[in-house]
Amino acid sequence: AYPQQRLALMLEDAQVSVLLTSVELAAQLPKHRAKVVCLDADWEKISKQSIDNPINKASTENLAYVIYTSGSTGRPKGVQIPHSAVVNFLSTMRQTPGLTQDNILLSVTTLSFDIAALELYLPLIVGARLIIVSREIASDGIQLSKQLDLHQANVMQATPATWRLLLGAGWQGSKQLKILCGGEALDRSLANQLLERSKQVWNLYGPTETTIWSAVQIVENKNKLEQTDSIVSIGRPIANTQFYVLDQHQHLVPIGVPGELYIGGAGVARGYLNRPELTAEKFIPNPFHKEAGGRLYKTGDLVRLRSDSSIEFLGRIDNQVKLRGFRIELGEIEALLNQYPGVETSVVLIREDEPGSQRLVAYVLPQPNQTLTIPEVRHFLKSKLPNYMVPTAFVTLEVLPLTPNGKVDRKALPAPDQTRPELETTYQPPQNEIEQTIANIWQEVLHVKEVGIYDNFFELGGQSLLLVQVHSKLQKILPRDLSLVEMFQYPTISSLAKYLNQEQNQPAALTKDSYRTEVRTASIKRRREVRQNYRKTT
C-alpha cells in the first residue's frame, strides 16, 4: 500500500537479492534488481528442489531483519536487528508477560509493523495456538470482537487505538483475556476500561531501534478517586536491558527529575543501514558499562524515574510522534511539504481538539504571490508517503507565530476551522433523505459544518476510529446490518447511499426448500427469475 517511490527506496537501500511475493503484488512493485519468487505460482519449481535442510551458518550477530521507520530528513531509515536481539526479546516475553502452549493468541498487527514479531514467533516457539486475522477484520471493531469470541482467544496484543476501536464497537471483554498494549502511551482512562473487561492488562514500551519492546509493566487496578497519573508507567527494562535517564550533558539525573531515556543491552540494534553518520548520532558508546563495544540508543523520549524504579513517560523531546500506533517523524512530512512548488515553509503537528480524536494537521506558508491548491498538495504527499502520514487537515497561513527567541510557537497555531476543507470535488448538497441522514452524522463526527455527497470521508479529516463512530450511529437507524469493511468500500455519501438503496431493493435470499417450492409453483418465465435470484444470493 506504500507509494512506489517509498517501496523503490527500500528495495534499493536494502539491496534485496531475493523477493518473496505473489503474482498480483509483483505486478504492482516498482523496478528492482531482485530475483522474484512468487509463492502462489512457483510451487512446481520449488517442489523440485532439495528437501534437505540447508547448512545454517548464521550466527547470533547476523541480521534477523531490516525494518524501515520514518526519517526526519524526508527519507525512511532501515533499522538493523540481529538474531541475538530477537532471541533475547522472545525469551523474555515468554516469561513476562508470559505465554504457554495453552494460550490462543489472536494476531491483528500488519506484517510491516515490527511488533508483529511477537505475535508470530512467540506462539510458535512455545506451542501455543496462533490465529491470524485479515487487515479488514482487524480494522473493524465489530468483526474483531466476533473473532475474539469465535476462537476463544485468551491473549491479544494491540495498540491503544485498536483497543479503543473494540470498545467503541461495544465489545464487552473476556475475563480469560490477557491484554498486551503498546505502540503509544497508555492513558489511565483506557487502562481502567480494559481492566474491567479482562484478566490482565500489560503496558509495553520500546522503540524499533531496541527490538520491539524494552519494558513491560502489569497495570494495577487503581481506584479512580486515588489515581494520580494520567499515563500508565512504562515499567522496568526487560532482561539484559539497561535504562538510563540522562540530562543534556549525558549525566544521570536524580529520581523525579525529567531527562532523556537512553537504552543499552542485548536489544540495541546494529544501527541504521547505510547511514553511518545518523548511526553515530543516535547510537553512542555506553559510558556506564565497562564492556568494550557497549552502546546506548538515544530514544528522544522524555521520562522521569520514580521512587519505585519504574519509568514515567512524559512525551517527546523532538518532533517524533505516535499516531494510532504508527511512529511518525513530523520532520519527514515537513521536508516533503517544503519541496512542493510554491511552499515557503511548513509545520506539521498532532492536534487533539476533540478528546480522544487525534489528527495530523499541516500549516503551510506559501511563497510570496503564490496561491496553493490544497488538493494538489495532498495528492503530492500521497504519492510519496504512506496514508497514515498524510495530514487530514491543511491550514494556509500568511505568517507563522513565533516565540520570543524566534522559534515557531506551535502552541499558538490555530485549530483548523469547521468549514468544509478545500477538496478536488465540487460541493453538492444531499439530494434525498438517506443522503441527508448520512451527511448529518458526518458533520457531527467530523465537526465539519458542510459536507457534500461526493466528498471523501478521509479527505474531510476522517480516520478509522471516527469511521467506527459513524458506523455505530448508522447501525441504530438502518434496517440492515452494515459492516465497517463496506463503509471503507464506499467512502462518499453518494456511493454509500446508492449501495444501501440497492441492497434494500434486492430480492430476499431463498433457502433450498423455498427455492424448490418457488420453482415448482412458478410459471416458466418466473422460474428463470427465481433461479437467477437463488444463484446471486447463494
Protein backbone atom coordinates (compact mmCIF):
# COMPACT_ATOMS: atom_id res chain seq x y z
CA ALA A 1 0.00 0.00 0.00
CA TYR A 2 3.05 2.28 0.21
CA PRO A 3 3.81 4.74 -2.61
CA GLN A 4 6.02 3.39 -5.40
CA GLN A 5 8.82 5.80 -4.53
CA ARG A 6 9.00 4.55 -0.93
CA LEU A 7 8.95 0.89 -1.98
CA ALA A 8 11.68 1.53 -4.55
CA LEU A 9 13.85 3.24 -1.94
CA MET A 10 13.52 0.32 0.50
CA LEU A 11 14.28 -2.30 -2.16
CA GLU A 12 17.33 -0.37 -3.37
CA ASP A 13 18.64 0.66 0.04
CA ALA A 14 18.37 -2.87 1.46
CA GLN A 15 19.96 -4.33 -1.71
CA VAL A 16 17.31 -7.04 -1.76
CA SER A 17 18.58 -10.02 -3.77
CA VAL A 18 15.53 -12.31 -3.48
CA LEU A 19 11.95 -11.07 -3.21
CA LEU A 20 9.18 -13.40 -1.99
CA THR A 21 5.80 -12.19 -3.23
CA SER A 22 2.73 -13.17 -5.27
CA VAL A 23 1.90 -12.69 -8.95
CA GLU A 24 -0.64 -9.96 -8.20
CA LEU A 25 1.69 -7.98 -5.94
CA ALA A 26 4.75 -8.42 -8.16
CA ALA A 27 2.96 -6.55 -10.94
CA GLN A 28 2.45 -3.56 -8.64
CA LEU A 29 6.06 -3.24 -7.48
CA PRO A 30 8.49 -0.63 -8.84
CA LYS A 31 11.54 -1.63 -10.87
CA HIS A 32 14.14 -3.55 -8.86
CA ARG A 33 17.06 -5.94 -9.31
CA ALA A 34 15.90 -8.77 -7.05
CA LYS A 35 15.15 -12.33 -8.17
CA VAL A 36 11.39 -12.76 -7.74
CA VAL A 37 9.86 -15.92 -6.26
CA CYS A 38 6.05 -15.95 -6.50
CA LEU A 39 4.72 -18.11 -3.69
CA ASP A 40 1.41 -18.68 -5.48
CA ALA A 41 2.82 -19.60 -8.91
CA ASP A 42 6.27 -21.16 -8.45
CA TRP A 43 5.43 -24.25 -6.37
CA GLU A 44 6.17 -26.60 -9.26
CA LYS A 45 9.75 -25.27 -9.45
CA ILE A 46 10.07 -25.15 -5.67
CA SER A 47 8.93 -28.78 -5.30
CA LYS A 48 11.83 -29.95 -7.47
CA GLN A 49 14.41 -28.50 -5.09
CA SER A 50 16.16 -30.46 -2.36
CA ILE A 51 14.09 -31.07 0.77
CA ASP A 52 17.18 -31.30 2.98
CA ASN A 53 17.71 -28.51 5.47
CA PRO A 54 20.42 -26.14 4.25
CA ILE A 55 23.54 -25.83 6.38
CA ASN A 56 22.91 -22.99 8.82
CA LYS A 57 25.91 -20.69 9.02
CA ALA A 58 24.07 -17.80 10.67
CA SER A 59 25.50 -16.52 13.94
CA THR A 60 23.83 -14.57 16.71
CA GLU A 61 25.34 -11.36 15.31
CA ASN A 62 23.94 -11.82 11.80
CA LEU A 63 20.90 -9.74 10.91
CA ALA A 64 17.44 -11.17 11.51
CA TYR A 65 15.74 -8.31 9.67
CA VAL A 66 15.96 -4.71 8.48
CA ILE A 67 12.81 -2.66 9.08
CA TYR A 68 12.21 0.88 7.84
CA THR A 69 10.92 3.68 10.04
CA SER A 70 10.02 7.30 9.37
CA GLY A 71 13.02 9.62 8.93
CA SER A 72 13.25 13.29 9.90
CA THR A 73 15.17 14.13 6.70
CA GLY A 74 12.33 13.01 4.43
CA ARG A 75 13.91 9.61 3.80
CA PRO A 76 12.97 6.43 5.73
CA LYS A 77 15.81 4.69 7.56
CA GLY A 78 16.46 0.95 7.84
CA VAL A 79 16.99 -0.36 11.38
CA GLN A 80 19.29 -3.42 11.53
CA ILE A 81 18.22 -6.01 14.13
CA PRO A 82 20.50 -9.04 14.83
CA HIS A 83 19.29 -12.53 15.76
CA SER A 84 20.65 -12.20 19.31
CA ALA A 85 18.36 -9.22 19.96
CA VAL A 86 15.26 -11.04 18.72
CA VAL A 87 16.08 -14.19 20.73
CA ASN A 88 16.63 -12.14 23.90
CA PHE A 89 13.31 -10.37 23.33
CA LEU A 90 11.30 -13.57 22.70
CA SER A 91 12.93 -15.44 25.60
CA THR A 92 11.98 -12.60 27.94
CA MET A 93 8.43 -12.24 26.64
CA ARG A 94 7.95 -15.98 27.08
CA GLN A 95 8.41 -15.46 30.83
CA THR A 96 6.91 -11.97 31.24
CA PRO A 97 4.10 -11.23 30.35
CA GLY A 98 4.29 -14.98 29.65
CA LEU A 99 2.90 -17.39 27.06
CA THR A 100 2.31 -21.17 27.26
CA GLN A 101 1.05 -23.93 24.99
CA ASP A 102 -2.42 -23.45 26.50
CA ASN A 103 -2.75 -19.93 25.08
CA ILE A 104 -4.65 -18.87 21.96
CA LEU A 105 -3.23 -15.63 20.55
CA LEU A 106 -5.19 -13.53 18.07
CA SER A 107 -2.77 -11.72 15.73
CA VAL A 108 -4.04 -8.35 14.47
CA THR A 109 -0.83 -6.49 13.55
CA THR A 110 0.17 -5.77 9.96
CA LEU A 111 3.38 -7.54 8.91
CA SER A 112 5.13 -4.23 8.18
CA PHE A 113 4.97 -3.32 11.90
CA ASP A 114 7.78 -4.83 13.98
CA ILE A 115 5.52 -5.77 16.91
CA ALA A 116 4.07 -8.49 14.64
CA ALA A 117 7.24 -10.47 15.52
CA LEU A 118 5.84 -11.17 19.00
CA GLU A 119 2.51 -12.34 17.57
CA LEU A 120 4.08 -14.68 15.01
CA TYR A 121 7.17 -16.12 16.69
CA LEU A 122 6.23 -16.31 20.37
CA PRO A 123 3.25 -18.69 19.94
CA LEU A 124 5.30 -20.88 17.60
CA ILE A 125 8.26 -21.33 19.97
CA VAL A 126 6.04 -22.25 22.95
CA GLY A 127 3.50 -24.37 21.04
CA ALA A 128 0.57 -22.01 21.56
CA ARG A 129 -2.23 -21.62 19.02
CA LEU A 130 -1.91 -18.67 16.61
CA ILE A 131 -4.92 -17.14 14.84
CA ILE A 132 -4.14 -14.56 12.14
CA VAL A 133 -6.97 -12.22 11.14
CA SER A 134 -7.09 -10.09 7.99
CA ARG A 135 -6.40 -6.37 7.95
CA GLU A 136 -10.09 -5.78 7.11
CA ILE A 137 -11.23 -7.61 10.25
CA ALA A 138 -8.54 -6.00 12.43
CA SER A 139 -9.80 -2.53 11.47
CA ASP A 140 -13.47 -3.38 12.14
CA GLY A 141 -14.29 -3.37 15.85
CA ILE A 142 -17.44 -5.47 15.45
CA GLN A 143 -15.77 -8.14 13.31
CA LEU A 144 -12.71 -8.21 15.56
CA SER A 145 -14.91 -8.69 18.62
CA LYS A 146 -16.60 -11.65 16.91
CA GLN A 147 -13.21 -13.22 16.15
CA LEU A 148 -12.13 -12.93 19.78
CA ASP A 149 -15.29 -14.78 20.84
CA LEU A 150 -15.24 -17.30 17.97
CA HIS A 151 -11.70 -18.51 18.67
CA GLN A 152 -11.93 -18.02 22.47
CA ALA A 153 -8.66 -16.10 22.28
CA ASN A 154 -7.02 -15.53 25.66
CA VAL A 155 -4.10 -13.31 24.52
CA MET A 156 -4.12 -10.33 22.17
CA GLN A 157 -1.54 -7.61 21.54
CA ALA A 158 -2.66 -4.30 20.02
CA THR A 159 -2.15 -0.55 20.14
CA PRO A 160 -4.36 1.67 22.33
CA ALA A 161 -6.08 2.79 19.10
CA THR A 162 -7.21 -0.78 18.35
CA TRP A 163 -8.45 -1.33 21.89
CA ARG A 164 -10.46 1.91 21.59
CA LEU A 165 -11.81 0.57 18.29
CA LEU A 166 -13.10 -2.52 20.10
CA LEU A 167 -14.60 -0.55 22.97
CA GLY A 168 -16.27 1.83 20.52
CA ALA A 169 -17.90 -1.17 18.84
CA GLY A 170 -19.47 -2.26 22.13
CA TRP A 171 -17.02 -5.07 22.99
CA GLN A 172 -17.85 -6.44 26.44
CA GLY A 173 -14.50 -8.12 27.05
CA SER A 174 -13.49 -11.52 28.43
CA LYS A 175 -12.26 -12.45 31.89
CA GLN A 176 -9.96 -15.04 30.25
CA LEU A 177 -8.15 -12.47 28.09
CA LYS A 178 -4.61 -11.24 28.73
CA ILE A 179 -4.27 -7.82 27.07
CA LEU A 180 -0.90 -6.60 25.77
CA CYS A 181 -1.00 -2.90 24.95
CA GLY A 182 1.82 -0.93 23.30
CA GLY A 183 2.82 1.28 20.40
CA GLU A 184 1.81 4.56 22.03
CA ALA A 185 1.22 5.92 25.53
CA LEU A 186 -1.50 4.12 27.50
CA ASP A 187 -3.67 6.60 29.37
CA ARG A 188 -5.23 5.69 32.70
CA SER A 189 -8.82 6.08 31.48
CA LEU A 190 -8.36 3.44 28.74
CA ALA A 191 -6.41 1.19 31.11
CA ASN A 192 -9.30 1.23 33.61
CA GLN A 193 -11.80 0.28 30.90
CA LEU A 194 -9.61 -2.61 29.77
CA LEU A 195 -9.05 -3.83 33.34
CA GLU A 196 -12.81 -4.07 33.83
CA ARG A 197 -13.11 -6.32 30.79
CA SER A 198 -10.12 -8.66 31.02
CA LYS A 199 -7.97 -10.96 33.12
CA GLN A 200 -4.79 -8.86 32.91
CA VAL A 201 -3.52 -5.73 31.20
CA TRP A 202 0.17 -5.26 30.37
CA ASN A 203 1.69 -1.99 29.17
CA LEU A 204 4.58 -2.48 26.73
CA TYR A 205 7.18 0.08 25.68
CA GLY A 206 10.07 0.14 23.25
CA PRO A 207 11.45 1.82 20.12
CA THR A 208 12.21 -0.13 16.95
CA GLU A 209 15.94 0.51 17.49
CA THR A 210 15.99 -1.60 20.68
CA THR A 211 13.99 -4.55 19.26
CA ILE A 212 10.24 -4.17 19.66
CA TRP A 213 9.62 -3.95 23.45
CA SER A 214 12.24 -2.91 26.00
CA ALA A 215 9.98 -2.64 29.06
CA VAL A 216 6.86 -4.36 30.36
CA GLN A 217 4.56 -3.39 33.20
CA ILE A 218 1.46 -5.10 34.55
CA VAL A 219 -1.23 -2.47 35.05
CA GLU A 220 -2.57 -2.27 38.57
CA ASN A 221 -6.27 -1.77 39.17
CA LYS A 222 -6.33 1.70 40.76
CA ASN A 223 -9.36 3.29 42.31
CA LYS A 224 -10.40 6.24 40.13
CA LEU A 225 -10.50 8.54 43.14
CA GLU A 226 -6.96 7.56 44.19
CA GLN A 227 -5.19 7.69 40.84
CA THR A 228 -2.69 10.49 40.30
CA ASP A 229 -1.12 9.51 36.98
CA SER A 230 -2.84 10.19 33.66
CA ILE A 231 -0.37 7.99 31.75
CA VAL A 232 0.43 4.45 32.88
CA SER A 233 4.07 3.81 33.83
CA ILE A 234 6.16 2.02 31.19
CA GLY A 235 7.66 -0.09 33.99
CA ARG A 236 11.15 -1.54 34.13
CA PRO A 237 13.54 -2.87 31.47
CA ILE A 238 13.31 -6.48 30.30
CA ALA A 239 16.17 -8.99 30.80
CA ASN A 240 19.66 -7.96 29.69
CA THR A 241 18.48 -4.39 29.11
CA GLN A 242 19.50 -1.20 30.91
CA PHE A 243 17.70 2.15 31.17
CA TYR A 244 19.50 5.43 31.89
CA VAL A 245 17.75 8.78 32.42
CA LEU A 246 20.25 11.48 31.42
CA ASP A 247 20.37 15.26 31.12
CA GLN A 248 21.59 17.19 28.07
CA HIS A 249 25.21 16.57 29.16
CA GLN A 250 24.54 12.80 29.39
CA HIS A 251 24.80 12.82 33.19
CA LEU A 252 22.42 10.75 35.32
CA VAL A 253 19.53 12.77 36.81
CA PRO A 254 18.01 12.20 40.27
CA ILE A 255 14.69 10.48 40.94
CA GLY A 256 11.76 12.66 39.90
CA VAL A 257 13.77 14.90 37.55
CA PRO A 258 12.82 14.70 33.83
CA GLY A 259 15.52 13.56 31.41
CA GLU A 260 16.01 11.71 28.14
CA LEU A 261 15.82 7.92 28.17
CA TYR A 262 18.87 6.03 26.86
CA ILE A 263 18.67 2.24 26.38
CA GLY A 264 21.53 -0.25 26.45
CA GLY A 265 21.87 -4.02 26.42
CA ALA A 266 21.11 -7.03 24.25
CA GLY A 267 18.26 -5.42 22.30
CA VAL A 268 20.20 -2.49 20.83
CA ALA A 269 20.23 -2.56 17.02
CA ARG A 270 23.40 -2.66 14.96
CA GLY A 271 22.48 0.80 13.67
CA TYR A 272 20.89 2.28 10.54
CA LEU A 273 21.63 0.61 7.22
CA ASN A 274 23.92 2.71 5.00
CA ARG A 275 23.60 5.68 7.40
CA PRO A 276 26.89 5.83 9.38
CA GLU A 277 26.51 9.49 10.43
CA LEU A 278 22.98 9.01 11.74
CA THR A 279 24.06 5.79 13.46
CA ALA A 280 26.91 7.60 15.23
CA GLU A 281 24.49 10.33 16.35
CA LYS A 282 21.82 8.03 17.81
CA PHE A 283 23.92 5.04 18.98
CA ILE A 284 26.63 6.26 21.37
CA PRO A 285 29.31 4.44 23.42
CA ASN A 286 27.99 3.37 26.82
CA PRO A 287 29.91 5.37 29.46
CA PHE A 288 28.37 3.35 32.31
CA HIS A 289 29.40 -0.11 31.13
CA LYS A 290 32.95 -1.43 31.16
CA GLU A 291 32.39 -3.98 28.36
CA ALA A 292 34.09 -2.92 25.12
CA GLY A 293 31.71 -2.10 22.30
CA GLY A 294 28.75 -1.46 24.57
CA ARG A 295 26.38 1.19 23.20
CA LEU A 296 23.35 3.22 24.22
CA TYR A 297 20.44 4.19 21.99
CA LYS A 298 19.31 7.80 22.37
CA THR A 299 15.49 7.43 22.31
CA GLY A 300 14.40 11.08 22.28
CA ASP A 301 11.74 10.15 24.88
CA LEU A 302 11.34 12.45 27.88
CA VAL A 303 10.86 10.37 31.05
CA ARG A 304 11.15 10.56 34.81
CA LEU A 305 12.44 7.89 37.21
CA ARG A 306 10.00 7.13 40.03
CA SER A 307 10.90 6.17 43.58
CA ASP A 308 9.86 2.55 42.89
CA SER A 309 12.39 2.41 39.97
CA SER A 310 9.66 2.41 37.33
CA ILE A 311 9.75 4.89 34.45
CA GLU A 312 7.12 7.56 33.79
CA PHE A 313 6.74 8.60 30.14
CA LEU A 314 6.33 12.37 29.71
CA GLY A 315 6.46 12.89 25.93
CA ARG A 316 8.96 13.51 23.14
CA ILE A 317 12.00 15.79 23.09
CA ASP A 318 11.98 16.04 19.29
CA ASN A 319 9.26 16.10 16.64
CA GLN A 320 8.65 12.36 16.57
CA VAL A 321 5.10 11.30 17.45
CA LYS A 322 2.97 8.18 17.67
CA LEU A 323 -0.42 8.23 15.94
CA ARG A 324 -2.67 5.16 16.22
CA GLY A 325 0.48 3.12 16.90
CA PHE A 326 2.43 4.41 13.90
CA ARG A 327 5.75 6.11 14.54
CA ILE A 328 5.95 9.36 12.57
CA GLU A 329 8.76 11.86 12.18
CA LEU A 330 6.94 15.16 11.67
CA GLY A 331 10.14 16.45 10.08
CA GLU A 332 9.78 13.92 7.26
CA ILE A 333 6.37 15.32 6.31
CA GLU A 334 7.61 18.90 6.64
CA ALA A 335 10.66 18.17 4.45
CA LEU A 336 8.42 16.86 1.66
CA LEU A 337 5.93 19.71 2.01
CA ASN A 338 8.76 22.21 1.67
CA GLN A 339 9.75 20.58 -1.63
CA TYR A 340 6.36 21.38 -3.15
CA PRO A 341 6.50 24.34 -5.59
CA GLY A 342 5.05 27.47 -4.00
CA VAL A 343 5.63 26.41 -0.37
CA GLU A 344 7.89 28.70 1.64
CA THR A 345 7.86 26.61 4.81
CA SER A 346 5.56 24.35 6.79
CA VAL A 347 4.84 22.98 10.26
CA VAL A 348 3.13 19.66 10.95
CA LEU A 349 1.79 18.59 14.32
CA ILE A 350 -0.74 16.35 16.01
CA ARG A 351 -3.82 18.07 17.41
CA GLU A 352 -6.47 16.73 19.76
CA ASP A 353 -9.13 19.44 19.62
CA GLU A 354 -11.76 16.82 20.48
CA PRO A 355 -10.94 14.40 23.37
CA GLY A 356 -9.78 11.04 22.04
CA SER A 357 -9.60 12.24 18.42
CA GLN A 358 -6.03 12.92 17.32
CA ARG A 359 -5.22 14.04 13.79
CA LEU A 360 -2.28 15.30 11.74
CA VAL A 361 -2.57 18.97 10.77
CA ALA A 362 -0.25 20.74 8.30
CA TYR A 363 0.30 24.51 8.49
CA VAL A 364 1.63 25.86 5.21
CA LEU A 365 3.18 29.25 4.47
CA PRO A 366 3.07 29.95 0.70
CA GLN A 367 5.85 31.77 -1.11
CA PRO A 368 5.14 35.46 -1.87
CA ASN A 369 2.46 35.97 -4.54
CA GLN A 370 1.76 32.22 -4.67
CA THR A 371 -1.63 30.55 -4.22
CA LEU A 372 -1.62 26.92 -3.12
CA THR A 373 -4.21 24.39 -4.27
CA ILE A 374 -4.64 22.14 -1.26
CA PRO A 375 -6.00 19.09 -3.18
CA GLU A 376 -2.85 19.14 -5.31
CA VAL A 377 -0.64 19.43 -2.22
CA ARG A 378 -2.48 16.49 -0.65
CA HIS A 379 -2.09 14.44 -3.84
CA PHE A 380 1.65 15.25 -3.88
CA LEU A 381 2.08 13.90 -0.34
CA LYS A 382 0.00 10.80 -1.09
CA SER A 383 2.36 9.95 -3.92
CA LYS A 384 5.34 9.93 -1.54
CA LEU A 385 4.05 8.93 1.92
CA PRO A 386 2.01 6.10 3.46
CA ASN A 387 -1.60 7.13 4.08
CA TYR A 388 -1.14 7.32 7.85
CA MET A 389 1.46 10.09 7.36
CA VAL A 390 -0.70 12.31 5.13
CA PRO A 391 -2.25 15.19 7.17
CA THR A 392 -6.03 15.15 7.36
CA ALA A 393 -6.24 18.95 7.62
CA PHE A 394 -4.30 21.77 5.93
CA VAL A 395 -4.20 25.37 7.16
CA THR A 396 -2.71 28.13 4.97
CA LEU A 397 -1.13 30.98 6.95
CA GLU A 398 0.27 34.36 5.97
CA VAL A 399 2.80 34.23 8.81
CA LEU A 400 3.89 31.63 11.37
CA PRO A 401 3.60 32.62 15.06
CA LEU A 402 6.99 32.84 16.78
CA THR A 403 8.21 32.61 20.35
CA PRO A 404 10.35 35.47 21.81
CA ASN A 405 13.51 33.53 20.87
CA GLY A 406 12.41 33.29 17.24
CA LYS A 407 11.24 29.66 17.12
CA VAL A 408 7.85 28.63 15.75
CA ASP A 409 5.29 28.85 18.55
CA ARG A 410 3.47 25.56 17.95
CA LYS A 411 1.05 26.20 20.81
CA ALA A 412 -0.15 29.38 19.10
CA LEU A 413 -1.02 27.68 15.81
CA PRO A 414 -4.79 27.96 15.26
CA ALA A 415 -7.14 25.00 15.21
CA PRO A 416 -8.49 24.20 11.73
CA ASP A 417 -11.89 25.80 11.30
CA GLN A 418 -15.01 23.71 10.86
CA THR A 419 -15.77 24.83 7.32
CA ARG A 420 -15.54 22.30 4.52
CA PRO A 421 -11.86 21.90 3.53
CA GLU A 422 -10.69 22.60 0.00
CA LEU A 423 -11.19 19.37 -1.98
CA GLU A 424 -10.93 18.24 -5.59
CA THR A 425 -14.68 17.61 -5.67
CA THR A 426 -17.24 20.41 -6.09
CA TYR A 427 -19.70 20.75 -3.24
CA GLN A 428 -23.00 19.01 -3.96
CA PRO A 429 -25.65 19.04 -1.18
CA PRO A 430 -27.67 15.92 -0.21
CA GLN A 431 -30.47 15.11 -2.66
CA ASN A 432 -32.66 12.75 -0.64
CA GLU A 433 -33.44 11.58 2.88
CA ILE A 434 -30.79 8.87 3.20
CA GLU A 435 -28.04 11.18 1.88
CA GLN A 436 -29.11 13.87 4.34
CA THR A 437 -29.09 11.36 7.21
CA ILE A 438 -25.53 10.25 6.41
CA ALA A 439 -24.43 13.88 5.93
CA ASN A 440 -25.80 14.86 9.36
CA ILE A 441 -23.82 12.06 11.03
CA TRP A 442 -20.63 13.00 9.16
CA GLN A 443 -20.99 16.64 10.22
CA GLU A 444 -21.47 15.60 13.85
CA VAL A 445 -18.49 13.19 13.94
CA LEU A 446 -16.07 15.18 11.77
CA HIS A 447 -17.05 18.59 13.21
CA VAL A 448 -17.43 19.99 9.69
CA LYS A 449 -20.33 22.35 9.09
CA GLU A 450 -20.92 21.37 5.48
CA VAL A 451 -20.23 18.10 3.64
CA GLY A 452 -21.05 17.24 0.04
CA ILE A 453 -22.29 13.90 -1.24
CA TYR A 454 -19.15 13.39 -3.37
CA ASP A 455 -16.68 14.36 -0.61
CA ASN A 456 -14.35 11.58 0.53
CA PHE A 457 -14.71 10.80 4.25
CA PHE A 458 -10.94 10.50 4.77
CA GLU A 459 -10.13 13.71 2.88
CA LEU A 460 -12.56 15.54 5.15
CA GLY A 461 -10.36 14.55 8.10
CA GLY A 462 -11.81 11.13 8.84
CA GLN A 463 -9.86 8.12 10.08
CA SER A 464 -10.69 4.59 11.18
CA LEU A 465 -11.72 5.47 14.77
CA LEU A 466 -14.07 8.20 13.53
CA LEU A 467 -15.49 5.79 10.94
CA VAL A 468 -16.36 3.46 13.83
CA GLN A 469 -18.42 6.29 15.37
CA VAL A 470 -20.23 6.88 12.06
CA HIS A 471 -20.83 3.13 11.75
CA SER A 472 -22.27 2.93 15.26
CA LYS A 473 -24.68 5.84 14.65
CA LEU A 474 -25.80 4.44 11.27
CA GLN A 475 -26.46 0.98 12.73
CA LYS A 476 -29.00 2.49 15.12
CA ILE A 477 -31.16 3.81 12.28
CA LEU A 478 -30.56 1.39 9.38
CA PRO A 479 -32.94 -1.54 8.84
CA ARG A 480 -29.99 -3.89 7.99
CA ASP A 481 -26.53 -4.69 9.30
CA LEU A 482 -23.70 -2.73 7.70
CA SER A 483 -20.08 -3.84 8.14
CA LEU A 484 -17.18 -1.47 8.65
CA VAL A 485 -15.49 -3.04 5.60
CA GLU A 486 -18.45 -1.96 3.47
CA MET A 487 -18.06 1.59 4.75
CA PHE A 488 -14.39 1.58 3.72
CA GLN A 489 -15.50 0.48 0.25
CA TYR A 490 -17.98 3.36 -0.08
CA PRO A 491 -16.19 6.44 1.36
CA THR A 492 -18.57 9.07 -0.13
CA ILE A 493 -22.14 9.82 0.89
CA SER A 494 -23.35 9.26 -2.67
CA SER A 495 -21.72 5.84 -3.10
CA LEU A 496 -22.80 4.64 0.36
CA ALA A 497 -26.39 5.83 -0.14
CA LYS A 498 -26.61 4.13 -3.55
CA TYR A 499 -25.24 0.91 -2.10
CA LEU A 500 -27.74 0.97 0.78
CA ASN A 501 -30.65 1.66 -1.59
CA GLN A 502 -29.51 -1.11 -3.90
CA GLU A 503 -29.21 -3.60 -1.04
CA GLN A 504 -32.63 -2.59 0.30
CA ASN A 505 -34.23 -3.26 -3.09
CA GLN A 506 -32.55 -6.63 -3.61
CA PRO A 507 -34.88 -9.67 -3.53
CA ALA A 508 -34.70 -11.63 -0.32
CA ALA A 509 -32.38 -14.63 -0.30
CA LEU A 510 -34.06 -18.02 -0.81
CA THR A 511 -33.43 -21.15 1.19
CA LYS A 512 -33.16 -24.51 -0.62
CA ASP A 513 -36.69 -25.50 0.46
CA SER A 514 -38.29 -22.19 -0.53
CA TYR A 515 -36.35 -22.30 -3.83
CA ARG A 516 -37.74 -25.74 -4.71
CA THR A 517 -41.26 -24.64 -3.80
CA GLU A 518 -40.98 -21.46 -5.90
CA VAL A 519 -39.68 -23.39 -8.93
CA ARG A 520 -42.45 -26.00 -8.74
CA THR A 521 -45.24 -23.46 -8.49
CA ALA A 522 -43.89 -20.67 -10.75
CA SER A 523 -44.55 -20.10 -14.41
CA ILE A 524 -41.76 -20.90 -16.92
CA LYS A 525 -40.77 -17.18 -17.17
CA ARG A 526 -40.86 -16.76 -13.39
CA ARG A 527 -38.72 -19.91 -12.91
CA ARG A 528 -35.81 -18.23 -14.72
CA GLU A 529 -36.02 -15.21 -12.37
CA VAL A 530 -36.18 -17.46 -9.30
CA ARG A 531 -33.11 -19.45 -10.41
CA GLN A 532 -31.15 -16.25 -11.13
CA ASN A 533 -32.06 -14.80 -7.72
CA TYR A 534 -31.05 -18.03 -5.96
CA ARG A 535 -27.65 -18.10 -7.72
CA LYS A 536 -26.98 -14.45 -6.79
CA THR A 537 -27.79 -14.90 -3.12
CA THR A 538 -26.05 -18.25 -2.61
